[in-house]
Amino acid sequence: MRQSRPVAVLGGVRIPFCRSNTAYSDVGNLGMSIRTLGALVERYRLHGEILGEVAMGAVLKHASDWNIGREATLSSGLHPHTPGITMQRACGTSLDTIVAVANKVALGQIEAGIGGGSDTTSDPPIAVSRALRRRLLDLNRAKDLKGRLAALSGFSLRDLAPEFPGVGEPRTGKSMGEHCEMMAKEWAIPRESQDELAVASHHKAAAAYERGFYDDLVVSFRGVQRDNILRPDTSLEKLATLKPAFDRTSGQGTLTAGNSTPLTDGAAACLIASDEWAQAHGHEPLAWIRDTQVAAVDFVHGEGLLMAPAWAVAQLLARNGLTLQDFDFYEIHEAFAAQVLCTLRAWESAEFCRTKLGLDAPLGSIDRSRLNVVGSSLALGHPFAATGARIVATTAKLLKEKGSGRALISICTAGGMGVVAIMER
């Protein structure tokens, strides 16, 4: 196997992220992926190019979607000889697709590729019930009329009840929000702190739009120019009026619709390449992917469902000889304001870092002025499989604007996992 070589992020694009059941309610994952890939192809003059891989992801997808990565590639303007693959790791999906492409570039297996993802909560996969599915399979397998009648015997209207995508963790039955509410109680994260983080995210995102930061990162789609989740006029007073969303009975709930990400539709993608390919095609690398890490926690037995980034970042820092303070930007996915604040508090905790991370001292605090400086998921939205690519494209542009520096990316996921990365310029 060849030695590792530097991997460049040349840039990325996304369509505006939209609240569920609004502008993209009838589009679906494939349509959003095609528009996003097509815009990336247009932006970087990739028409007719053969890339080494297009890796796309989706969390909520229909069986009929088949291989979204390949199907979207065939409609994107890329050469049909470009292969495509579809991946899934919940909210970390498109950071994982970028890592998969980057690893192939690093090893010299390919010169350039695209990583990204899409998700729709407007068009979720609704299946027939297990009972009806069993009957239909038995009916198809029957050899004669007697067998077909036997397959239909005992049929009831209850068999027609559809199955909707699960919102709870299979091993606990609790939703992500319920798990995060438990984390907020464990780490004593007050409602006011969560609302402050949410308001800051909206205000920073609105300011970034006003100064043109997102002009070349967001491409219009379905007549939408910018994320329709964004509320520039939100305030602590407005958020304080919202009722708890996941703990409505104890009187202790702190997570609300205002400090949690809404259900969102959208897609994003990034172009990844070797330095040689970038130079040959006239593209300047915006930033470089230095290293990545994935970790998991035992959330079934008490470790917080969304706390895995705390472990992943510690492992990543140790391998690279860095401290938590060695970064100019921190792009921490805001699944819930409480998740971000729990993670930050864990890194500051000597006991947590000693007993859970095996460290002699806490990782310490970060400079909050460097956190999600152009807004994040609370303001922009969170199409599950698109968030990682959104963050990578954002981070690359931030590093390009600064001219140099280092950024830490952190994404929590369902299933008790975390995907993190270091980017540099």
Protein backbone atom coordinates (compact mmCIF):
# COMPACT_ATOMS: atom_id res chain seq x y z
CA MET A 1 0.00 0.00 0.00
CA ARG A 2 1.28 3.47 -0.88
CA GLN A 3 2.35 6.00 1.72
CA SER A 4 -0.21 8.57 2.86
CA ARG A 5 -0.23 11.96 1.12
CA PRO A 6 -1.99 15.27 1.89
CA VAL A 7 -5.68 15.54 1.09
CA ALA A 8 -7.18 18.88 0.05
CA VAL A 9 -10.71 20.22 0.40
CA LEU A 10 -11.31 22.28 -2.72
CA GLY A 11 -14.73 23.48 -1.64
CA GLY A 12 -18.34 22.53 -1.27
CA VAL A 13 -21.90 23.56 -2.00
CA ARG A 14 -25.32 22.88 -0.58
CA ILE A 15 -28.89 23.75 -1.29
CA PRO A 16 -30.66 25.88 1.34
CA PHE A 17 -31.77 23.74 4.26
CA CYS A 18 -35.54 23.84 4.67
CA ARG A 19 -37.91 22.94 7.45
CA SER A 20 -39.71 19.63 6.94
CA ASN A 21 -42.84 19.74 4.78
CA THR A 22 -42.03 23.07 3.18
CA ALA A 23 -40.16 23.78 -0.07
CA TYR A 24 -38.76 20.29 -0.66
CA SER A 25 -41.71 18.22 0.52
CA ASP A 26 -42.07 16.47 -2.86
CA VAL A 27 -38.43 16.31 -3.95
CA GLY A 28 -36.83 13.43 -2.06
CA ASN A 29 -33.22 12.49 -1.49
CA LEU A 30 -32.35 11.79 -5.10
CA GLY A 31 -33.66 15.11 -6.40
CA MET A 32 -31.83 17.09 -3.71
CA SER A 33 -28.63 15.11 -4.33
CA ILE A 34 -28.77 15.67 -8.08
CA ARG A 35 -29.22 19.43 -7.66
CA THR A 36 -26.32 19.62 -5.19
CA LEU A 37 -23.93 17.46 -7.19
CA GLY A 38 -24.85 19.30 -10.36
CA ALA A 39 -24.06 22.62 -8.71
CA LEU A 40 -20.69 21.28 -7.54
CA VAL A 41 -19.92 20.02 -11.04
CA GLU A 42 -20.81 23.45 -12.46
CA ARG A 43 -18.80 25.34 -9.83
CA TYR A 44 -15.60 23.35 -10.41
CA ARG A 45 -15.94 22.72 -14.15
CA LEU A 46 -16.26 18.96 -13.77
CA HIS A 47 -18.50 18.25 -16.76
CA GLY A 48 -17.40 14.99 -18.36
CA GLU A 49 -14.72 14.38 -15.69
CA ILE A 50 -14.09 10.88 -14.37
CA LEU A 51 -13.63 11.09 -10.61
CA GLY A 52 -12.41 8.25 -8.45
CA GLU A 53 -15.52 8.10 -6.26
CA VAL A 54 -18.72 9.89 -5.38
CA ALA A 55 -19.79 8.87 -1.87
CA MET A 56 -23.20 10.16 -0.81
CA GLY A 57 -25.27 9.30 2.21
CA ALA A 58 -28.84 9.31 3.45
CA VAL A 59 -30.31 8.27 6.78
CA LEU A 60 -34.01 8.21 5.86
CA LYS A 61 -34.19 6.54 2.46
CA HIS A 62 -36.60 4.37 0.57
CA ALA A 63 -35.67 0.92 -0.70
CA SER A 64 -36.46 2.30 -4.15
CA ASP A 65 -33.73 4.93 -3.74
CA TRP A 66 -31.24 2.10 -4.35
CA ASN A 67 -27.72 3.59 -4.64
CA ILE A 68 -28.24 7.35 -4.34
CA GLY A 69 -24.51 8.06 -4.82
CA ARG A 70 -24.42 6.32 -8.18
CA GLU A 71 -27.83 7.48 -9.42
CA ALA A 72 -27.12 11.12 -8.56
CA THR A 73 -23.71 10.85 -10.23
CA LEU A 74 -25.32 9.69 -13.47
CA SER A 75 -27.48 12.83 -13.49
CA SER A 76 -24.81 15.27 -12.30
CA GLY A 77 -22.81 15.95 -15.46
CA LEU A 78 -19.87 13.81 -14.37
CA HIS A 79 -18.68 11.10 -16.75
CA PRO A 80 -20.71 7.88 -16.39
CA HIS A 81 -17.46 6.04 -15.62
CA THR A 82 -17.41 7.77 -12.21
CA PRO A 83 -18.42 5.20 -9.56
CA GLY A 84 -20.81 6.03 -6.72
CA ILE A 85 -21.60 4.59 -3.31
CA THR A 86 -24.18 5.31 -0.61
CA MET A 87 -23.24 5.27 3.09
CA GLN A 88 -24.91 5.89 6.45
CA ARG A 89 -23.80 6.71 9.99
CA ALA A 90 -26.74 8.79 11.20
CA CYS A 91 -25.79 12.45 11.73
CA GLY A 92 -22.12 11.80 10.95
CA THR A 93 -22.89 10.36 7.52
CA SER A 94 -21.46 12.99 5.18
CA LEU A 95 -18.38 13.57 7.32
CA ASP A 96 -17.86 9.84 6.95
CA THR A 97 -18.37 9.96 3.18
CA ILE A 98 -15.74 12.71 2.99
CA VAL A 99 -13.38 10.65 5.15
CA ALA A 100 -13.92 7.62 2.91
CA VAL A 101 -13.02 9.62 -0.20
CA ALA A 102 -10.13 11.37 1.57
CA ASN A 103 -8.63 8.06 2.67
CA LYS A 104 -8.62 6.81 -0.93
CA VAL A 105 -6.92 10.02 -2.03
CA ALA A 106 -4.39 9.77 0.79
CA LEU A 107 -3.46 6.23 -0.22
CA GLY A 108 -3.12 7.12 -3.89
CA GLN A 109 -6.03 4.91 -4.93
CA ILE A 110 -7.84 7.87 -6.50
CA GLU A 111 -6.95 11.48 -7.31
CA ALA A 112 -10.26 13.20 -6.62
CA GLY A 113 -13.76 12.48 -5.42
CA ILE A 114 -16.88 13.91 -3.85
CA GLY A 115 -18.34 13.27 -0.42
CA GLY A 116 -21.75 14.44 0.69
CA GLY A 117 -25.25 13.51 1.71
CA SER A 118 -28.93 14.37 1.73
CA ASP A 119 -31.91 13.76 3.95
CA THR A 120 -35.61 14.36 3.84
CA THR A 121 -37.99 14.17 6.75
CA SER A 122 -40.83 15.26 4.47
CA ASP A 123 -40.75 11.99 2.54
CA PRO A 124 -39.79 9.30 5.06
CA PRO A 125 -39.92 5.61 4.19
CA ILE A 126 -43.30 4.33 5.38
CA ALA A 127 -43.55 0.55 5.17
CA VAL A 128 -46.42 -1.90 5.29
CA SER A 129 -46.81 -3.65 8.62
CA ARG A 130 -44.76 -6.73 9.41
CA ALA A 131 -47.91 -8.83 9.46
CA LEU A 132 -48.96 -7.66 5.99
CA ARG A 133 -45.43 -8.09 4.68
CA ARG A 134 -45.40 -11.68 5.92
CA ARG A 135 -48.75 -12.39 4.29
CA LEU A 136 -47.67 -10.90 0.95
CA LEU A 137 -44.50 -13.00 0.94
CA ASP A 138 -46.46 -16.13 1.79
CA LEU A 139 -48.95 -15.27 -0.94
CA ASN A 140 -46.17 -14.87 -3.49
CA ARG A 141 -44.64 -18.19 -2.44
CA ALA A 142 -47.90 -20.13 -2.63
CA LYS A 143 -48.03 -22.77 -5.39
CA ASP A 144 -51.79 -23.13 -5.77
CA LEU A 145 -55.16 -21.64 -4.81
CA LYS A 146 -55.21 -23.55 -1.53
CA GLY A 147 -51.88 -22.05 -0.54
CA ARG A 148 -52.98 -18.56 -1.52
CA LEU A 149 -56.18 -18.86 0.51
CA ALA A 150 -54.15 -20.09 3.48
CA ALA A 151 -51.87 -17.07 3.22
CA LEU A 152 -54.89 -14.77 3.40
CA SER A 153 -56.67 -16.58 6.23
CA GLY A 154 -57.14 -14.53 9.36
CA PHE A 155 -56.47 -11.25 7.53
CA SER A 156 -57.65 -8.22 9.51
CA LEU A 157 -57.70 -4.47 9.03
CA ARG A 158 -54.97 -4.21 11.68
CA ASP A 159 -52.61 -5.78 9.16
CA LEU A 160 -52.98 -2.65 6.99
CA ALA A 161 -51.54 -0.34 9.64
CA PRO A 162 -48.33 1.25 8.23
CA GLU A 163 -44.96 1.29 9.96
CA PHE A 164 -43.29 4.68 10.31
CA PRO A 165 -39.53 5.20 10.78
CA GLY A 166 -38.56 4.74 14.41
CA VAL A 167 -37.71 7.87 16.39
CA GLY A 168 -36.31 5.98 19.36
CA GLU A 169 -33.03 4.18 19.87
CA PRO A 170 -33.76 0.46 19.30
CA ARG A 171 -31.98 -0.54 22.53
CA THR A 172 -33.58 2.01 24.84
CA GLY A 173 -36.80 3.10 23.16
CA LYS A 174 -35.91 6.71 23.97
CA SER A 175 -35.62 9.42 21.33
CA MET A 176 -32.44 11.40 20.81
CA GLY A 177 -34.08 14.37 22.49
CA GLU A 178 -35.04 12.30 25.53
CA HIS A 179 -31.49 11.03 25.81
CA CYS A 180 -30.12 14.56 25.53
CA GLU A 181 -32.56 15.72 28.21
CA MET A 182 -31.02 13.07 30.48
CA MET A 183 -27.55 14.41 29.63
CA ALA A 184 -28.60 17.97 30.40
CA LYS A 185 -29.81 16.89 33.84
CA GLU A 186 -26.64 14.87 34.52
CA TRP A 187 -24.39 17.81 33.64
CA ALA A 188 -26.71 20.42 35.19
CA ILE A 189 -26.99 22.46 31.99
CA PRO A 190 -29.54 25.23 32.62
CA ARG A 191 -32.27 26.18 30.16
CA GLU A 192 -30.91 29.73 29.95
CA SER A 193 -27.50 28.56 28.72
CA GLN A 194 -29.13 26.43 26.04
CA ASP A 195 -31.29 29.31 24.85
CA GLU A 196 -28.27 31.65 24.79
CA LEU A 197 -26.39 29.23 22.52
CA ALA A 198 -29.39 28.94 20.20
CA VAL A 199 -29.86 32.70 19.94
CA ALA A 200 -26.14 33.16 19.25
CA SER A 201 -26.29 30.57 16.47
CA HIS A 202 -29.14 32.41 14.72
CA HIS A 203 -27.49 35.80 15.08
CA LYS A 204 -24.10 34.56 13.84
CA ALA A 205 -25.66 32.79 10.87
CA ALA A 206 -27.69 35.87 9.94
CA ALA A 207 -24.58 38.06 10.16
CA ALA A 208 -22.66 35.61 7.98
CA TYR A 209 -25.39 35.74 5.33
CA GLU A 210 -25.40 39.53 5.42
CA ARG A 211 -21.66 39.79 4.81
CA GLY A 212 -21.88 37.32 1.91
CA PHE A 213 -20.12 34.39 3.56
CA TYR A 214 -22.67 31.89 2.26
CA ASP A 215 -22.98 33.36 -1.24
CA ASP A 216 -20.79 30.71 -2.87
CA LEU A 217 -21.67 27.90 -0.46
CA VAL A 218 -25.45 27.90 -0.91
CA VAL A 219 -27.13 27.44 -4.31
CA SER A 220 -30.79 28.25 -4.81
CA PHE A 221 -33.29 25.45 -5.24
CA ARG A 222 -37.05 25.47 -5.67
CA GLY A 223 -37.02 29.26 -5.44
CA VAL A 224 -35.36 29.20 -2.01
CA GLN A 225 -32.24 31.35 -1.61
CA ARG A 226 -31.31 30.75 2.04
CA ASP A 227 -32.16 28.38 4.88
CA ASN A 228 -35.76 28.87 5.93
CA ILE A 229 -35.06 27.77 9.51
CA LEU A 230 -32.98 30.88 10.18
CA ARG A 231 -34.60 33.45 12.47
CA PRO A 232 -32.47 36.64 12.66
CA ASP A 233 -34.96 38.25 15.04
CA THR A 234 -35.02 35.44 17.60
CA SER A 235 -34.30 36.44 21.18
CA LEU A 236 -33.96 35.01 24.67
CA GLU A 237 -37.37 36.45 25.48
CA LYS A 238 -38.99 34.59 22.58
CA LEU A 239 -37.25 31.30 23.34
CA ALA A 240 -38.21 31.58 27.02
CA THR A 241 -41.90 31.26 26.05
CA LEU A 242 -41.45 27.78 24.56
CA LYS A 243 -42.47 24.70 26.50
CA PRO A 244 -40.18 21.67 27.06
CA ALA A 245 -40.29 19.32 24.10
CA PHE A 246 -39.02 16.03 25.51
CA ASP A 247 -39.78 16.15 29.25
CA ARG A 248 -43.23 17.65 29.55
CA THR A 249 -44.29 16.14 32.89
CA SER A 250 -41.53 16.43 35.49
CA GLY A 251 -41.27 20.21 35.47
CA GLN A 252 -37.51 19.81 34.97
CA GLY A 253 -37.36 19.71 31.16
CA THR A 254 -35.00 22.18 29.52
CA LEU A 255 -34.89 21.13 25.85
CA THR A 256 -37.37 23.00 23.66
CA ALA A 257 -38.11 23.43 19.97
CA GLY A 258 -36.01 26.58 20.12
CA ASN A 259 -32.80 25.05 21.46
CA SER A 260 -33.10 21.81 19.46
CA THR A 261 -32.65 21.37 15.73
CA PRO A 262 -35.87 21.14 13.72
CA LEU A 263 -36.69 18.36 11.27
CA THR A 264 -34.98 19.47 8.07
CA ASP A 265 -34.63 18.61 4.37
CA GLY A 266 -31.45 19.36 2.41
CA ALA A 267 -28.24 18.16 0.77
CA ALA A 268 -24.55 19.14 0.71
CA ALA A 269 -21.36 17.92 -0.99
CA CYS A 270 -17.61 18.65 -1.03
CA LEU A 271 -14.88 18.16 -3.62
CA ILE A 272 -11.82 16.34 -2.24
CA ALA A 273 -8.55 15.88 -4.14
CA SER A 274 -4.81 15.44 -4.11
CA ASP A 275 -2.66 18.53 -4.45
CA GLU A 276 -1.45 17.30 -7.84
CA TRP A 277 -4.99 16.93 -9.19
CA ALA A 278 -5.97 20.35 -7.83
CA GLN A 279 -3.00 22.04 -9.52
CA ALA A 280 -3.58 20.21 -12.80
CA HIS A 281 -7.21 21.38 -12.86
CA GLY A 282 -6.53 24.95 -11.74
CA HIS A 283 -8.14 24.75 -8.30
CA GLU A 284 -6.66 26.17 -5.11
CA PRO A 285 -6.97 23.95 -2.03
CA LEU A 286 -8.92 25.81 0.64
CA ALA A 287 -7.77 23.56 3.47
CA TRP A 288 -6.31 20.16 4.25
CA ILE A 289 -7.74 17.24 6.17
CA ARG A 290 -5.14 16.36 8.78
CA ASP A 291 -6.79 13.48 10.63
CA THR A 292 -10.14 12.01 11.64
CA GLN A 293 -11.50 9.77 14.38
CA VAL A 294 -14.67 7.87 15.25
CA ALA A 295 -15.61 6.74 18.76
CA ALA A 296 -18.60 5.12 20.46
CA VAL A 297 -20.05 5.02 23.97
CA ASP A 298 -22.04 2.49 25.99
CA PHE A 299 -25.18 4.62 26.17
CA VAL A 300 -27.32 1.62 27.12
CA HIS A 301 -25.52 1.45 30.47
CA GLY A 302 -25.38 5.12 31.33
CA GLU A 303 -22.87 6.90 29.09
CA GLY A 304 -24.67 9.76 27.36
CA LEU A 305 -25.98 8.90 23.91
CA LEU A 306 -24.51 12.04 22.32
CA MET A 307 -21.28 12.21 24.35
CA ALA A 308 -19.08 10.11 22.04
CA PRO A 309 -17.35 13.20 20.52
CA ALA A 310 -15.78 13.79 23.96
CA TRP A 311 -13.94 10.49 23.57
CA ALA A 312 -13.22 10.89 19.84
CA VAL A 313 -11.68 14.35 20.26
CA ALA A 314 -9.47 13.18 23.13
CA GLN A 315 -8.20 10.30 21.02
CA LEU A 316 -7.61 12.57 18.03
CA LEU A 317 -5.72 15.15 20.07
CA ALA A 318 -3.48 12.51 21.64
CA ARG A 319 -2.56 10.97 18.29
CA ASN A 320 -1.66 14.37 16.84
CA GLY A 321 0.13 15.80 19.86
CA LEU A 322 -2.33 18.70 20.17
CA THR A 323 -4.27 20.30 22.99
CA LEU A 324 -7.89 21.37 22.90
CA GLN A 325 -6.76 24.99 22.82
CA ASP A 326 -4.66 24.59 19.64
CA PHE A 327 -7.50 25.58 17.28
CA ASP A 328 -8.65 28.76 15.59
CA PHE A 329 -12.16 27.41 14.92
CA TYR A 330 -14.42 24.88 16.64
CA GLU A 331 -17.23 23.58 14.47
CA ILE A 332 -19.36 21.55 16.88
CA HIS A 333 -22.63 20.29 15.43
CA GLU A 334 -25.58 21.68 17.35
CA ALA A 335 -27.93 18.71 17.39
CA PHE A 336 -29.17 20.26 20.63
CA ALA A 337 -27.69 23.21 22.47
CA ALA A 338 -27.44 20.94 25.49
CA GLN A 339 -25.27 18.44 23.62
CA VAL A 340 -22.67 21.10 22.82
CA LEU A 341 -22.68 22.39 26.39
CA CYS A 342 -22.47 18.90 27.92
CA THR A 343 -19.45 18.09 25.76
CA LEU A 344 -17.70 21.34 26.64
CA ARG A 345 -18.35 20.75 30.34
CA ALA A 346 -17.04 17.19 30.09
CA TRP A 347 -13.74 18.41 28.63
CA GLU A 348 -13.48 20.84 31.53
CA SER A 349 -14.16 18.14 34.14
CA ALA A 350 -11.09 16.66 35.82
CA GLU A 351 -13.12 13.68 37.04
CA PHE A 352 -14.62 12.90 33.63
CA CYS A 353 -11.28 13.22 31.85
CA ARG A 354 -9.59 11.00 34.45
CA THR A 355 -12.23 8.27 34.83
CA LYS A 356 -13.64 8.18 31.29
CA LEU A 357 -10.81 9.39 29.06
CA GLY A 358 -7.88 8.13 31.10
CA LEU A 359 -6.21 11.54 31.22
CA ASP A 360 -4.13 13.02 34.02
CA ALA A 361 -5.69 16.44 33.59
CA PRO A 362 -8.85 17.90 32.01
CA LEU A 363 -8.72 18.89 28.35
CA GLY A 364 -9.86 22.32 29.50
CA SER A 365 -12.00 25.12 28.09
CA ILE A 366 -12.21 26.50 24.58
CA ASP A 367 -12.42 30.11 23.49
CA ARG A 368 -16.18 30.43 22.94
CA SER A 369 -15.65 33.29 20.47
CA ARG A 370 -14.19 30.67 18.09
CA LEU A 371 -17.19 28.31 18.35
CA ASN A 372 -19.50 27.99 15.32
CA VAL A 373 -18.61 31.50 14.23
CA VAL A 374 -21.00 31.59 11.24
CA GLY A 375 -23.85 29.75 12.93
CA SER A 376 -24.57 26.05 13.00
CA SER A 377 -27.37 23.50 13.02
CA LEU A 378 -29.71 25.27 15.43
CA ALA A 379 -29.97 28.17 12.98
CA LEU A 380 -29.27 26.54 9.64
CA GLY A 381 -31.04 23.22 10.13
CA HIS A 382 -29.92 19.61 10.24
CA PRO A 383 -30.71 17.25 7.35
CA PHE A 384 -29.04 14.29 9.06
CA ALA A 385 -26.76 13.06 6.27
CA ALA A 386 -25.97 16.54 4.92
CA THR A 387 -24.62 18.23 8.06
CA GLY A 388 -21.06 16.85 7.88
CA ALA A 389 -20.49 18.14 4.35
CA ARG A 390 -22.00 21.49 5.30
CA ILE A 391 -19.54 21.78 8.17
CA VAL A 392 -16.51 20.71 6.12
CA ALA A 393 -17.30 23.25 3.38
CA THR A 394 -17.87 25.96 5.98
CA THR A 395 -14.65 25.13 7.81
CA ALA A 396 -12.59 25.11 4.62
CA LYS A 397 -13.87 28.57 3.71
CA LEU A 398 -13.21 29.92 7.21
CA LEU A 399 -9.61 28.72 7.02
CA LYS A 400 -9.23 30.19 3.54
CA GLU A 401 -10.53 33.56 4.76
CA LYS A 402 -8.14 33.55 7.69
CA GLY A 403 -5.22 32.53 5.49
CA SER A 404 -3.91 29.94 7.93
CA GLY A 405 -5.00 28.06 11.00
CA ARG A 406 -6.46 24.88 12.39
CA ALA A 407 -10.07 23.79 12.97
CA LEU A 408 -11.73 21.05 15.00
CA ILE A 409 -14.92 19.45 13.69
CA SER A 410 -17.15 17.43 16.02
CA ILE A 411 -20.40 15.64 15.20
CA CYS A 412 -22.49 13.47 17.52
CA THR A 413 -24.66 10.72 16.07
CA ALA A 414 -27.51 8.40 16.95
CA GLY A 415 -26.36 5.01 18.14
CA GLY A 416 -23.93 6.59 20.61
CA MET A 417 -21.15 7.52 18.19
CA GLY A 418 -19.10 10.60 17.37
CA VAL A 419 -17.20 11.55 14.19
CA VAL A 420 -14.51 14.24 14.48
CA ALA A 421 -11.81 15.73 12.27
CA ILE A 422 -8.95 18.22 12.17
CA MET A 423 -8.60 20.55 9.20
CA GLU A 424 -5.69 22.92 8.55
CA ARG A 425 -4.44 25.59 6.22
